[in-house]
Amino acid sequence: MVLEIILAAVLIAFGIIAILFSINEEVDDKQLVVVLLVGVASIVGGGWVILTHVTLWILLAKLAGLILAGLGVFLIIGFPDVEPDYQLRNMTNAGVFIGLVLLIIGAYLLFFYPV
């Protein structure tokens, strides 16, 4: 229970600080919109954690699933750039294989864990 409150407080504080810092900095409109959306999402997420009884482990599992799935997609799509001076062709196959494994684990954590 205490860890959920701490996580919610950090999320709310991050959202408020992100909005305040974006007002003081000279940024263009696209960056300002992104920062404001992240700040508002952080505040809403922190409030949601406080108001509901979601355990921290479920949130951490979903966050880990999102990170692993993102890393897996990067390894599948962005990593296999084969250049003779940079890496061998077999490294591309290994990168795609590891990316598929991470994507499957991340998707499982994100969508099916805990049932």
PDB file of N, CA and C in Angstrom:
ATOM      1  N   MET A   1       0.819  -1.190   0.000  1.00  0.00           N
ATOM      2  CA  MET A   1       0.000   0.000   0.000  1.00  0.00           C
ATOM      3  C   MET A   1       0.865   1.256   0.000  1.00  0.00           C
ATOM      4  N   VAL A   2       1.943   1.226   0.746  1.00  0.00           N
ATOM      5  CA  VAL A   2       2.808   2.402   0.836  1.00  0.00           C
ATOM      6  C   VAL A   2       3.518   2.654  -0.490  1.00  0.00           C
ATOM      7  N   LEU A   3       3.943   1.584  -1.160  1.00  0.00           N
ATOM      8  CA  LEU A   3       4.643   1.754  -2.435  1.00  0.00           C
ATOM      9  C   LEU A   3       3.727   2.335  -3.507  1.00  0.00           C
ATOM     10  N   GLU A   4       2.450   1.971  -3.470  1.00  0.00           N
ATOM     11  CA  GLU A   4       1.510   2.538  -4.434  1.00  0.00           C
ATOM     12  C   GLU A   4       1.346   4.038  -4.221  1.00  0.00           C
ATOM     13  N   ILE A   5       1.279   4.457  -2.961  1.00  0.00           N
ATOM     14  CA  ILE A   5       1.140   5.883  -2.654  1.00  0.00           C
ATOM     15  C   ILE A   5       2.395   6.643  -3.085  1.00  0.00           C
ATOM     16  N   ILE A   6       3.557   6.044  -2.849  1.00  0.00           N
ATOM     17  CA  ILE A   6       4.811   6.689  -3.261  1.00  0.00           C
ATOM     18  C   ILE A   6       4.868   6.806  -4.785  1.00  0.00           C
ATOM     19  N   LEU A   7       4.497   5.734  -5.490  1.00  0.00           N
ATOM     20  CA  LEU A   7       4.486   5.774  -6.950  1.00  0.00           C
ATOM     21  C   LEU A   7       3.511   6.829  -7.455  1.00  0.00           C
ATOM     22  N   ALA A   8       2.336   6.899  -6.860  1.00  0.00           N
ATOM     23  CA  ALA A   8       1.351   7.893  -7.277  1.00  0.00           C
ATOM     24  C   ALA A   8       1.857   9.308  -7.015  1.00  0.00           C
ATOM     25  N   ALA A   9       2.499   9.512  -5.871  1.00  0.00           N
ATOM     26  CA  ALA A   9       3.034  10.838  -5.559  1.00  0.00           C
ATOM     27  C   ALA A   9       4.128  11.237  -6.549  1.00  0.00           C
ATOM     28  N   VAL A  10       4.979  10.291  -6.915  1.00  0.00           N
ATOM     29  CA  VAL A  10       6.034  10.581  -7.886  1.00  0.00           C
ATOM     30  C   VAL A  10       5.426  10.903  -9.249  1.00  0.00           C
ATOM     31  N   LEU A  11       4.410  10.164  -9.657  1.00  0.00           N
ATOM     32  CA  LEU A  11       3.759  10.438 -10.940  1.00  0.00           C
ATOM     33  C   LEU A  11       3.113  11.817 -10.962  1.00  0.00           C
ATOM     34  N   ILE A  12       2.397  12.153  -9.913  1.00  0.00           N
ATOM     35  CA  ILE A  12       1.739  13.460  -9.858  1.00  0.00           C
ATOM     36  C   ILE A  12       2.776  14.580  -9.829  1.00  0.00           C
ATOM     37  N   ALA A  13       3.825  14.402  -9.021  1.00  0.00           N
ATOM     38  CA  ALA A  13       4.872  15.425  -8.950  1.00  0.00           C
ATOM     39  C   ALA A  13       5.579  15.578 -10.298  1.00  0.00           C
ATOM     40  N   PHE A  14       5.849  14.469 -10.978  1.00  0.00           N
ATOM     41  CA  PHE A  14       6.485  14.541 -12.292  1.00  0.00           C
ATOM     42  C   PHE A  14       5.602  15.287 -13.283  1.00  0.00           C
ATOM     43  N   GLY A  15       4.310  15.013 -13.252  1.00  0.00           N
ATOM     44  CA  GLY A  15       3.396  15.702 -14.160  1.00  0.00           C
ATOM     45  C   GLY A  15       3.356  17.197 -13.921  1.00  0.00           C
ATOM     46  N   ILE A  16       3.297  17.593 -12.657  1.00  0.00           N
ATOM     47  CA  ILE A  16       3.252  19.024 -12.330  1.00  0.00           C
ATOM     48  C   ILE A  16       4.562  19.707 -12.703  1.00  0.00           C
ATOM     49  N   ILE A  17       5.684  19.076 -12.374  1.00  0.00           N
ATOM     50  CA  ILE A  17       6.991  19.666 -12.692  1.00  0.00           C
ATOM     51  C   ILE A  17       7.192  19.744 -14.206  1.00  0.00           C
ATOM     52  N   ALA A  18       6.756  18.724 -14.950  1.00  0.00           N
ATOM     53  CA  ALA A  18       6.894  18.758 -16.408  1.00  0.00           C
ATOM     54  C   ALA A  18       6.113  19.921 -17.000  1.00  0.00           C
ATOM     55  N   ILE A  19       4.905  20.138 -16.499  1.00  0.00           N
ATOM     56  CA  ILE A  19       4.102  21.251 -17.006  1.00  0.00           C
ATOM     57  C   ILE A  19       4.734  22.587 -16.623  1.00  0.00           C
ATOM     58  N   LEU A  20       5.203  22.716 -15.386  1.00  0.00           N
ATOM     59  CA  LEU A  20       5.821  23.974 -14.958  1.00  0.00           C
ATOM     60  C   LEU A  20       7.110  24.267 -15.717  1.00  0.00           C
ATOM     61  N   PHE A  21       7.949  23.265 -15.916  1.00  0.00           N
ATOM     62  CA  PHE A  21       9.191  23.488 -16.648  1.00  0.00           C
ATOM     63  C   PHE A  21       8.925  23.811 -18.113  1.00  0.00           C
ATOM     64  N   SER A  22       7.892  23.218 -18.698  1.00  0.00           N
ATOM     65  CA  SER A  22       7.606  23.502 -20.105  1.00  0.00           C
ATOM     66  C   SER A  22       7.103  24.925 -20.297  1.00  0.00           C
ATOM     67  N   ILE A  23       6.476  25.486 -19.289  1.00  0.00           N
ATOM     68  CA  ILE A  23       6.019  26.873 -19.389  1.00  0.00           C
ATOM     69  C   ILE A  23       7.211  27.823 -19.353  1.00  0.00           C
ATOM     70  N   ASN A  24       8.215  27.523 -18.527  1.00  0.00           N
ATOM     71  CA  ASN A  24       9.366  28.408 -18.366  1.00  0.00           C
ATOM     72  C   ASN A  24      10.382  28.296 -19.500  1.00  0.00           C
ATOM     73  N   GLU A  25      10.416  27.181 -20.204  1.00  0.00           N
ATOM     74  CA  GLU A  25      11.383  26.978 -21.282  1.00  0.00           C
ATOM     75  C   GLU A  25      10.831  27.517 -22.594  1.00  0.00           C
ATOM     76  N   GLU A  26      11.736  27.845 -23.489  1.00  0.00           N
ATOM     77  CA  GLU A  26      11.332  28.290 -24.822  1.00  0.00           C
ATOM     78  C   GLU A  26      11.341  27.083 -25.758  1.00  0.00           C
ATOM     79  N   VAL A  27      10.175  26.500 -25.951  1.00  0.00           N
ATOM     80  CA  VAL A  27      10.038  25.347 -26.836  1.00  0.00           C
ATOM     81  C   VAL A  27       8.973  25.659 -27.875  1.00  0.00           C
ATOM     82  N   ASP A  28       9.030  24.915 -28.983  1.00  0.00           N
ATOM     83  CA  ASP A  28       8.012  25.138 -30.008  1.00  0.00           C
ATOM     84  C   ASP A  28       6.710  24.423 -29.625  1.00  0.00           C
ATOM     85  N   ASP A  29       5.697  24.613 -30.434  1.00  0.00           N
ATOM     86  CA  ASP A  29       4.366  24.127 -30.085  1.00  0.00           C
ATOM     87  C   ASP A  29       4.274  22.607 -30.049  1.00  0.00           C
ATOM     88  N   LYS A  30       4.972  21.919 -30.954  1.00  0.00           N
ATOM     89  CA  LYS A  30       4.906  20.459 -30.974  1.00  0.00           C
ATOM     90  C   LYS A  30       5.501  19.867 -29.702  1.00  0.00           C
ATOM     91  N   GLN A  31       6.653  20.377 -29.285  1.00  0.00           N
ATOM     92  CA  GLN A  31       7.268  19.880 -28.057  1.00  0.00           C
ATOM     93  C   GLN A  31       6.420  20.222 -26.845  1.00  0.00           C
ATOM     94  N   LEU A  32       5.819  21.394 -26.845  1.00  0.00           N
ATOM     95  CA  LEU A  32       4.983  21.802 -25.725  1.00  0.00           C
ATOM     96  C   LEU A  32       3.755  20.908 -25.601  1.00  0.00           C
ATOM     97  N   VAL A  33       3.160  20.556 -26.719  1.00  0.00           N
ATOM     98  CA  VAL A  33       1.991  19.675 -26.685  1.00  0.00           C
ATOM     99  C   VAL A  33       2.372  18.299 -26.154  1.00  0.00           C
ATOM    100  N   VAL A  34       3.518  17.771 -26.587  1.00  0.00           N
ATOM    101  CA  VAL A  34       3.964  16.465 -26.110  1.00  0.00           C
ATOM    102  C   VAL A  34       4.231  16.505 -24.609  1.00  0.00           C
ATOM    103  N   VAL A  35       4.917  17.534 -24.140  1.00  0.00           N
ATOM    104  CA  VAL A  35       5.216  17.644 -22.711  1.00  0.00           C
ATOM    105  C   VAL A  35       3.935  17.805 -21.902  1.00  0.00           C
ATOM    106  N   LEU A  36       3.011  18.598 -22.399  1.00  0.00           N
ATOM    107  CA  LEU A  36       1.744  18.773 -21.691  1.00  0.00           C
ATOM    108  C   LEU A  36       0.942  17.476 -21.650  1.00  0.00           C
ATOM    109  N   LEU A  37       0.922  16.724 -22.747  1.00  0.00           N
ATOM    110  CA  LEU A  37       0.209  15.450 -22.747  1.00  0.00           C
ATOM    111  C   LEU A  37       0.841  14.447 -21.791  1.00  0.00           C
ATOM    112  N   VAL A  38       2.174  14.391 -21.767  1.00  0.00           N
ATOM    113  CA  VAL A  38       2.856  13.495 -20.834  1.00  0.00           C
ATOM    114  C   VAL A  38       2.591  13.922 -19.395  1.00  0.00           C
ATOM    115  N   GLY A  39       2.618  15.226 -19.134  1.00  0.00           N
ATOM    116  CA  GLY A  39       2.350  15.723 -17.788  1.00  0.00           C
ATOM    117  C   GLY A  39       0.938  15.427 -17.329  1.00  0.00           C
ATOM    118  N   VAL A  40      -0.033  15.659 -18.197  1.00  0.00           N
ATOM    119  CA  VAL A  40      -1.428  15.383 -17.836  1.00  0.00           C
ATOM    120  C   VAL A  40      -1.653  13.882 -17.660  1.00  0.00           C
ATOM    121  N   ALA A  41      -1.054  13.066 -18.535  1.00  0.00           N
ATOM    122  CA  ALA A  41      -1.184  11.615 -18.392  1.00  0.00           C
ATOM    123  C   ALA A  41      -0.554  11.136 -17.091  1.00  0.00           C
ATOM    124  N   SER A  42       0.554  11.735 -16.710  1.00  0.00           N
ATOM    125  CA  SER A  42       1.210  11.373 -15.459  1.00  0.00           C
ATOM    126  C   SER A  42       0.352  11.751 -14.257  1.00  0.00           C
ATOM    127  N   ILE A  43      -0.242  12.920 -14.296  1.00  0.00           N
ATOM    128  CA  ILE A  43      -1.107  13.347 -13.189  1.00  0.00           C
ATOM    129  C   ILE A  43      -2.345  12.449 -13.104  1.00  0.00           C
ATOM    130  N   VAL A  44      -2.955  12.159 -14.241  1.00  0.00           N
ATOM    131  CA  VAL A  44      -4.133  11.291 -14.247  1.00  0.00           C
ATOM    132  C   VAL A  44      -3.765   9.879 -13.791  1.00  0.00           C
ATOM    133  N   GLY A  45      -2.619   9.376 -14.242  1.00  0.00           N
ATOM    134  CA  GLY A  45      -2.176   8.051 -13.809  1.00  0.00           C
ATOM    135  C   GLY A  45      -1.905   7.986 -12.321  1.00  0.00           C
ATOM    136  N   GLY A  46      -1.278   9.009 -11.777  1.00  0.00           N
ATOM    137  CA  GLY A  46      -1.034   9.046 -10.336  1.00  0.00           C
ATOM    138  C   GLY A  46      -2.322   9.121  -9.539  1.00  0.00           C
ATOM    139  N   GLY A  47      -3.257   9.925 -10.007  1.00  0.00           N
ATOM    140  CA  GLY A  47      -4.551   9.995  -9.335  1.00  0.00           C
ATOM    141  C   GLY A  47      -5.312   8.690  -9.422  1.00  0.00           C
ATOM    142  N   TRP A  48      -5.193   8.010 -10.569  1.00  0.00           N
ATOM    143  CA  TRP A  48      -5.860   6.725 -10.733  1.00  0.00           C
ATOM    144  C   TRP A  48      -5.289   5.682  -9.777  1.00  0.00           C
ATOM    145  N   VAL A  49      -3.965   5.699  -9.587  1.00  0.00           N
ATOM    146  CA  VAL A  49      -3.339   4.758  -8.660  1.00  0.00           C
ATOM    147  C   VAL A  49      -3.803   5.033  -7.235  1.00  0.00           C
ATOM    148  N   ILE A  50      -3.946   6.300  -6.873  1.00  0.00           N
ATOM    149  CA  ILE A  50      -4.394   6.629  -5.518  1.00  0.00           C
ATOM    150  C   ILE A  50      -5.857   6.231  -5.325  1.00  0.00           C
ATOM    151  N   LEU A  51      -6.701   6.502  -6.305  1.00  0.00           N
ATOM    152  CA  LEU A  51      -8.134   6.269  -6.133  1.00  0.00           C
ATOM    153  C   LEU A  51      -8.539   4.808  -6.273  1.00  0.00           C
ATOM    154  N   THR A  52      -7.800   4.025  -7.021  1.00  0.00           N
ATOM    155  CA  THR A  52      -8.118   2.603  -7.162  1.00  0.00           C
ATOM    156  C   THR A  52      -7.112   1.791  -6.365  1.00  0.00           C
ATOM    157  N   HIS A  53      -7.390   0.543  -6.226  1.00  0.00           N
ATOM    158  CA  HIS A  53      -6.503  -0.329  -5.452  1.00  0.00           C
ATOM    159  C   HIS A  53      -5.745  -1.263  -6.392  1.00  0.00           C
ATOM    160  N   VAL A  54      -4.986  -0.671  -7.277  1.00  0.00           N
ATOM    161  CA  VAL A  54      -4.149  -1.443  -8.186  1.00  0.00           C
ATOM    162  C   VAL A  54      -2.821  -1.693  -7.488  1.00  0.00           C
ATOM    163  N   THR A  55      -2.378  -2.921  -7.500  1.00  0.00           N
ATOM    164  CA  THR A  55      -1.118  -3.217  -6.835  1.00  0.00           C
ATOM    165  C   THR A  55       0.052  -2.753  -7.687  1.00  0.00           C
ATOM    166  N   LEU A  56       1.138  -2.476  -7.018  1.00  0.00           N
ATOM    167  CA  LEU A  56       2.332  -1.984  -7.702  1.00  0.00           C
ATOM    168  C   LEU A  56       2.907  -3.041  -8.632  1.00  0.00           C
ATOM    169  N   TRP A  57       2.782  -4.310  -8.271  1.00  0.00           N
ATOM    170  CA  TRP A  57       3.374  -5.364  -9.092  1.00  0.00           C
ATOM    171  C   TRP A  57       2.686  -5.470 -10.443  1.00  0.00           C
ATOM    172  N   ILE A  58       1.377  -5.225 -10.476  1.00  0.00           N
ATOM    173  CA  ILE A  58       0.673  -5.243 -11.763  1.00  0.00           C
ATOM    174  C   ILE A  58       1.163  -4.095 -12.638  1.00  0.00           C
ATOM    175  N   LEU A  59       1.305  -2.911 -12.039  1.00  0.00           N
ATOM    176  CA  LEU A  59       1.800  -1.765 -12.805  1.00  0.00           C
ATOM    177  C   LEU A  59       3.220  -1.991 -13.302  1.00  0.00           C
ATOM    178  N   LEU A  60       4.079  -2.553 -12.450  1.00  0.00           N
ATOM    179  CA  LEU A  60       5.454  -2.819 -12.864  1.00  0.00           C
ATOM    180  C   LEU A  60       5.514  -3.888 -13.948  1.00  0.00           C
ATOM    181  N   ALA A  61       4.645  -4.901 -13.865  1.00  0.00           N
ATOM    182  CA  ALA A  61       4.616  -5.934 -14.903  1.00  0.00           C
ATOM    183  C   ALA A  61       4.170  -5.344 -16.235  1.00  0.00           C
ATOM    184  N   LYS A  62       3.180  -4.462 -16.207  1.00  0.00           N
ATOM    185  CA  LYS A  62       2.719  -3.828 -17.447  1.00  0.00           C
ATOM    186  C   LYS A  62       3.792  -2.902 -18.021  1.00  0.00           C
ATOM    187  N   LEU A  63       4.485  -2.170 -17.150  1.00  0.00           N
ATOM    188  CA  LEU A  63       5.564  -1.300 -17.607  1.00  0.00           C
ATOM    189  C   LEU A  63       6.713  -2.116 -18.188  1.00  0.00           C
ATOM    190  N   ALA A  64       7.069  -3.215 -17.526  1.00  0.00           N
ATOM    191  CA  ALA A  64       8.125  -4.083 -18.047  1.00  0.00           C
ATOM    192  C   ALA A  64       7.712  -4.688 -19.382  1.00  0.00           C
ATOM    193  N   GLY A  65       6.446  -5.074 -19.510  1.00  0.00           N
ATOM    194  CA  GLY A  65       5.952  -5.604 -20.775  1.00  0.00           C
ATOM    195  C   GLY A  65       6.025  -4.585 -21.889  1.00  0.00           C
ATOM    196  N   LEU A  66       5.680  -3.338 -21.569  1.00  0.00           N
ATOM    197  CA  LEU A  66       5.748  -2.275 -22.567  1.00  0.00           C
ATOM    198  C   LEU A  66       7.187  -2.016 -23.001  1.00  0.00           C
ATOM    199  N   ILE A  67       8.105  -1.994 -22.053  1.00  0.00           N
ATOM    200  CA  ILE A  67       9.516  -1.763 -22.374  1.00  0.00           C
ATOM    201  C   ILE A  67      10.085  -2.924 -23.187  1.00  0.00           C
ATOM    202  N   LEU A  68       9.796  -4.165 -22.767  1.00  0.00           N
ATOM    203  CA  LEU A  68      10.311  -5.321 -23.497  1.00  0.00           C
ATOM    204  C   LEU A  68       9.725  -5.408 -24.903  1.00  0.00           C
ATOM    205  N   ALA A  69       8.434  -5.114 -25.040  1.00  0.00           N
ATOM    206  CA  ALA A  69       7.824  -5.142 -26.371  1.00  0.00           C
ATOM    207  C   ALA A  69       8.426  -4.056 -27.261  1.00  0.00           C
ATOM    208  N   GLY A  70       8.660  -2.881 -26.715  1.00  0.00           N
ATOM    209  CA  GLY A  70       9.280  -1.810 -27.492  1.00  0.00           C
ATOM    210  C   GLY A  70      10.692  -2.157 -27.917  1.00  0.00           C
ATOM    211  N   LEU A  71      11.464  -2.747 -27.006  1.00  0.00           N
ATOM    212  CA  LEU A  71      12.820  -3.168 -27.343  1.00  0.00           C
ATOM    213  C   LEU A  71      12.796  -4.278 -28.390  1.00  0.00           C
ATOM    214  N   GLY A  72      11.838  -5.193 -28.265  1.00  0.00           N
ATOM    215  CA  GLY A  72      11.710  -6.260 -29.251  1.00  0.00           C
ATOM    216  C   GLY A  72      11.378  -5.733 -30.632  1.00  0.00           C
ATOM    217  N   VAL A  73      10.454  -4.770 -30.701  1.00  0.00           N
ATOM    218  CA  VAL A  73      10.104  -4.171 -31.995  1.00  0.00           C
ATOM    219  C   VAL A  73      11.310  -3.441 -32.581  1.00  0.00           C
ATOM    220  N   PHE A  74      12.074  -2.757 -31.728  1.00  0.00           N
ATOM    221  CA  PHE A  74      13.279  -2.086 -32.227  1.00  0.00           C
ATOM    222  C   PHE A  74      14.272  -3.094 -32.789  1.00  0.00           C
ATOM    223  N   LEU A  75      14.490  -4.198 -32.085  1.00  0.00           N
ATOM    224  CA  LEU A  75      15.451  -5.185 -32.570  1.00  0.00           C
ATOM    225  C   LEU A  75      14.972  -5.849 -33.858  1.00  0.00           C
ATOM    226  N   ILE A  76      13.670  -5.996 -34.020  1.00  0.00           N
ATOM    227  CA  ILE A  76      13.154  -6.613 -35.241  1.00  0.00           C
ATOM    228  C   ILE A  76      13.222  -5.641 -36.413  1.00  0.00           C
ATOM    229  N   ILE A  77      12.843  -4.397 -36.182  1.00  0.00           N
ATOM    230  CA  ILE A  77      12.727  -3.429 -37.284  1.00  0.00           C
ATOM    231  C   ILE A  77      13.989  -2.585 -37.452  1.00  0.00           C
ATOM    232  N   GLY A  78      14.522  -2.041 -36.365  1.00  0.00           N
ATOM    233  CA  GLY A  78      15.590  -1.063 -36.479  1.00  0.00           C
ATOM    234  C   GLY A  78      16.992  -1.619 -36.441  1.00  0.00           C
ATOM    235  N   PHE A  79      17.195  -2.763 -35.836  1.00  0.00           N
ATOM    236  CA  PHE A  79      18.539  -3.284 -35.656  1.00  0.00           C
ATOM    237  C   PHE A  79      19.136  -3.909 -36.910  1.00  0.00           C
ATOM    238  N   PRO A  80      18.376  -4.626 -37.740  1.00  0.00           N
ATOM    239  CA  PRO A  80      19.010  -5.395 -38.815  1.00  0.00           C
ATOM    240  C   PRO A  80      19.560  -4.561 -39.971  1.00  0.00           C
ATOM    241  N   ASP A  81      20.348  -3.577 -39.689  1.00  0.00           N
ATOM    242  CA  ASP A  81      20.999  -2.791 -40.724  1.00  0.00           C
ATOM    243  C   ASP A  81      22.361  -3.416 -40.973  1.00  0.00           C
ATOM    244  N   VAL A  82      22.482  -4.126 -42.080  1.00  0.00           N
ATOM    245  CA  VAL A  82      23.705  -4.869 -42.347  1.00  0.00           C
ATOM    246  C   VAL A  82      24.649  -4.004 -43.168  1.00  0.00           C
ATOM    247  N   GLU A  83      25.777  -3.693 -42.591  1.00  0.00           N
ATOM    248  CA  GLU A  83      26.859  -3.032 -43.306  1.00  0.00           C
ATOM    249  C   GLU A  83      28.117  -3.857 -43.076  1.00  0.00           C
ATOM    250  N   PRO A  84      28.903  -4.064 -44.094  1.00  0.00           N
ATOM    251  CA  PRO A  84      30.084  -4.925 -43.932  1.00  0.00           C
ATOM    252  C   PRO A  84      31.075  -4.412 -42.888  1.00  0.00           C
ATOM    253  N   ASP A  85      31.168  -3.107 -42.717  1.00  0.00           N
ATOM    254  CA  ASP A  85      32.137  -2.579 -41.765  1.00  0.00           C
ATOM    255  C   ASP A  85      31.619  -2.608 -40.333  1.00  0.00           C
ATOM    256  N   TYR A  86      30.317  -2.726 -40.177  1.00  0.00           N
ATOM    257  CA  TYR A  86      29.738  -2.569 -38.846  1.00  0.00           C
ATOM    258  C   TYR A  86      29.480  -3.896 -38.157  1.00  0.00           C
ATOM    259  N   GLN A  87      28.776  -4.801 -38.825  1.00  0.00           N
ATOM    260  CA  GLN A  87      28.452  -6.078 -38.201  1.00  0.00           C
ATOM    261  C   GLN A  87      28.328  -7.159 -39.265  1.00  0.00           C
ATOM    262  N   LEU A  88      28.398  -8.380 -38.815  1.00  0.00           N
ATOM    263  CA  LEU A  88      28.265  -9.514 -39.715  1.00  0.00           C
ATOM    264  C   LEU A  88      26.791  -9.793 -40.000  1.00  0.00           C
ATOM    265  N   ARG A  89      26.535 -10.520 -41.086  1.00  0.00           N
ATOM    266  CA  ARG A  89      25.162 -10.841 -41.461  1.00  0.00           C
ATOM    267  C   ARG A  89      24.499 -11.736 -40.407  1.00  0.00           C
ATOM    268  N   ASN A  90      25.240 -12.599 -39.759  1.00  0.00           N
ATOM    269  CA  ASN A  90      24.662 -13.479 -38.744  1.00  0.00           C
ATOM    270  C   ASN A  90      24.202 -12.706 -37.515  1.00  0.00           C
ATOM    271  N   MET A  91      24.789 -11.549 -37.266  1.00  0.00           N
ATOM    272  CA  MET A  91      24.342 -10.727 -36.142  1.00  0.00           C
ATOM    273  C   MET A  91      22.928 -10.212 -36.378  1.00  0.00           C
ATOM    274  N   THR A  92      22.563  -9.990 -37.633  1.00  0.00           N
ATOM    275  CA  THR A  92      21.197  -9.577 -37.948  1.00  0.00           C
ATOM    276  C   THR A  92      20.211 -10.670 -37.564  1.00  0.00           C
ATOM    277  N   ASN A  93      20.549 -11.908 -37.878  1.00  0.00           N
ATOM    278  CA  ASN A  93      19.670 -13.021 -37.513  1.00  0.00           C
ATOM    279  C   ASN A  93      19.537 -13.143 -36.001  1.00  0.00           C
ATOM    280  N   ALA A  94      20.626 -12.964 -35.291  1.00  0.00           N
ATOM    281  CA  ALA A  94      20.569 -13.027 -33.828  1.00  0.00           C
ATOM    282  C   ALA A  94      19.746 -11.876 -33.263  1.00  0.00           C
ATOM    283  N   GLY A  95      19.889 -10.690 -33.832  1.00  0.00           N
ATOM    284  CA  GLY A  95      19.114  -9.539 -33.366  1.00  0.00           C
ATOM    285  C   GLY A  95      17.625  -9.721 -33.583  1.00  0.00           C
ATOM    286  N   VAL A  96      17.246 -10.262 -34.735  1.00  0.00           N
ATOM    287  CA  VAL A  96      15.828 -10.509 -35.007  1.00  0.00           C
ATOM    288  C   VAL A  96      15.293 -11.595 -34.078  1.00  0.00           C
ATOM    289  N   PHE A  97      16.074 -12.640 -33.831  1.00  0.00           N
ATOM    290  CA  PHE A  97      15.639 -13.711 -32.931  1.00  0.00           C
ATOM    291  C   PHE A  97      15.433 -13.190 -31.513  1.00  0.00           C
ATOM    292  N   ILE A  98      16.398 -12.442 -31.002  1.00  0.00           N
ATOM    293  CA  ILE A  98      16.266 -11.876 -29.653  1.00  0.00           C
ATOM    294  C   ILE A  98      15.105 -10.888 -29.610  1.00  0.00           C
ATOM    295  N   GLY A  99      14.916 -10.121 -30.670  1.00  0.00           N
ATOM    296  CA  GLY A  99      13.790  -9.198 -30.741  1.00  0.00           C
ATOM    297  C   GLY A  99      12.451  -9.911 -30.697  1.00  0.00           C
ATOM    298  N   LEU A 100      12.336 -11.027 -31.406  1.00  0.00           N
ATOM    299  CA  LEU A 100      11.090 -11.797 -31.361  1.00  0.00           C
ATOM    300  C   LEU A 100      10.824 -12.355 -29.971  1.00  0.00           C
ATOM    301  N   VAL A 101      11.867 -12.854 -29.318  1.00  0.00           N
ATOM    302  CA  VAL A 101      11.703 -13.375 -27.956  1.00  0.00           C
ATOM    303  C   VAL A 101      11.248 -12.267 -27.014  1.00  0.00           C
ATOM    304  N   LEU A 102      11.888 -11.111 -27.079  1.00  0.00           N
ATOM    305  CA  LEU A 102      11.510 -10.002 -26.204  1.00  0.00           C
ATOM    306  C   LEU A 102      10.111  -9.486 -26.518  1.00  0.00           C
ATOM    307  N   LEU A 103       9.739  -9.465 -27.790  1.00  0.00           N
ATOM    308  CA  LEU A 103       8.394  -9.021 -28.164  1.00  0.00           C
ATOM    309  C   LEU A 103       7.330  -9.972 -27.631  1.00  0.00           C
ATOM    310  N   ILE A 104       7.575 -11.265 -27.703  1.00  0.00           N
ATOM    311  CA  ILE A 104       6.604 -12.242 -27.199  1.00  0.00           C
ATOM    312  C   ILE A 104       6.477 -12.141 -25.686  1.00  0.00           C
ATOM    313  N   ILE A 105       7.599 -12.036 -24.978  1.00  0.00           N
ATOM    314  CA  ILE A 105       7.549 -11.896 -23.521  1.00  0.00           C
ATOM    315  C   ILE A 105       6.869 -10.590 -23.131  1.00  0.00           C
ATOM    316  N   GLY A 106       7.207  -9.506 -23.812  1.00  0.00           N
ATOM    317  CA  GLY A 106       6.591  -8.217 -23.516  1.00  0.00           C
ATOM    318  C   GLY A 106       5.099  -8.212 -23.785  1.00  0.00           C
ATOM    319  N   ALA A 107       4.673  -8.820 -24.887  1.00  0.00           N
ATOM    320  CA  ALA A 107       3.240  -8.888 -25.191  1.00  0.00           C
ATOM    321  C   ALA A 107       2.507  -9.733 -24.161  1.00  0.00           C
ATOM    322  N   TYR A 108       3.132 -10.818 -23.708  1.00  0.00           N
ATOM    323  CA  TYR A 108       2.506 -11.637 -22.667  1.00  0.00           C
ATOM    324  C   TYR A 108       2.332 -10.842 -21.381  1.00  0.00           C
ATOM    325  N   LEU A 109       3.387 -10.144 -20.959  1.00  0.00           N
ATOM    326  CA  LEU A 109       3.285  -9.345 -19.736  1.00  0.00           C
ATOM    327  C   LEU A 109       2.277  -8.212 -19.887  1.00  0.00           C
ATOM    328  N   LEU A 110       2.222  -7.631 -21.055  1.00  0.00           N
ATOM    329  CA  LEU A 110       1.344  -6.481 -21.271  1.00  0.00           C
ATOM    330  C   LEU A 110      -0.124  -6.881 -21.371  1.00  0.00           C
ATOM    331  N   PHE A 111      -0.417  -7.980 -22.048  1.00  0.00           N
ATOM    332  CA  PHE A 111      -1.813  -8.311 -22.316  1.00  0.00           C
ATOM    333  C   PHE A 111      -2.381  -9.449 -21.468  1.00  0.00           C
ATOM    334  N   PHE A 112      -1.561 -10.413 -21.046  1.00  0.00           N
ATOM    335  CA  PHE A 112      -2.104 -11.607 -20.406  1.00  0.00           C
ATOM    336  C   PHE A 112      -1.685 -11.802 -18.956  1.00  0.00           C
ATOM    337  N   TYR A 113      -0.779 -11.015 -18.427  1.00  0.00           N
ATOM    338  CA  TYR A 113      -0.306 -11.187 -17.053  1.00  0.00           C
ATOM    339  C   TYR A 113      -0.904 -10.125 -16.179  1.00  0.00           C
ATOM    340  N   PRO A 114      -1.272 -10.308 -15.038  1.00  0.00           N
ATOM    341  CA  PRO A 114      -1.905 -11.446 -14.361  1.00  0.00           C
ATOM    342  C   PRO A 114      -3.345 -11.578 -14.816  1.00  0.00           C
ATOM    343  N   VAL A 115      -3.756 -12.787 -14.973  1.00  0.00           N
ATOM    344  CA  VAL A 115      -5.091 -13.062 -15.519  1.00  0.00           C
ATOM    345  C   VAL A 115      -6.162 -12.822 -14.494  1.00  0.00           C
TER     346      VAL A 115
END
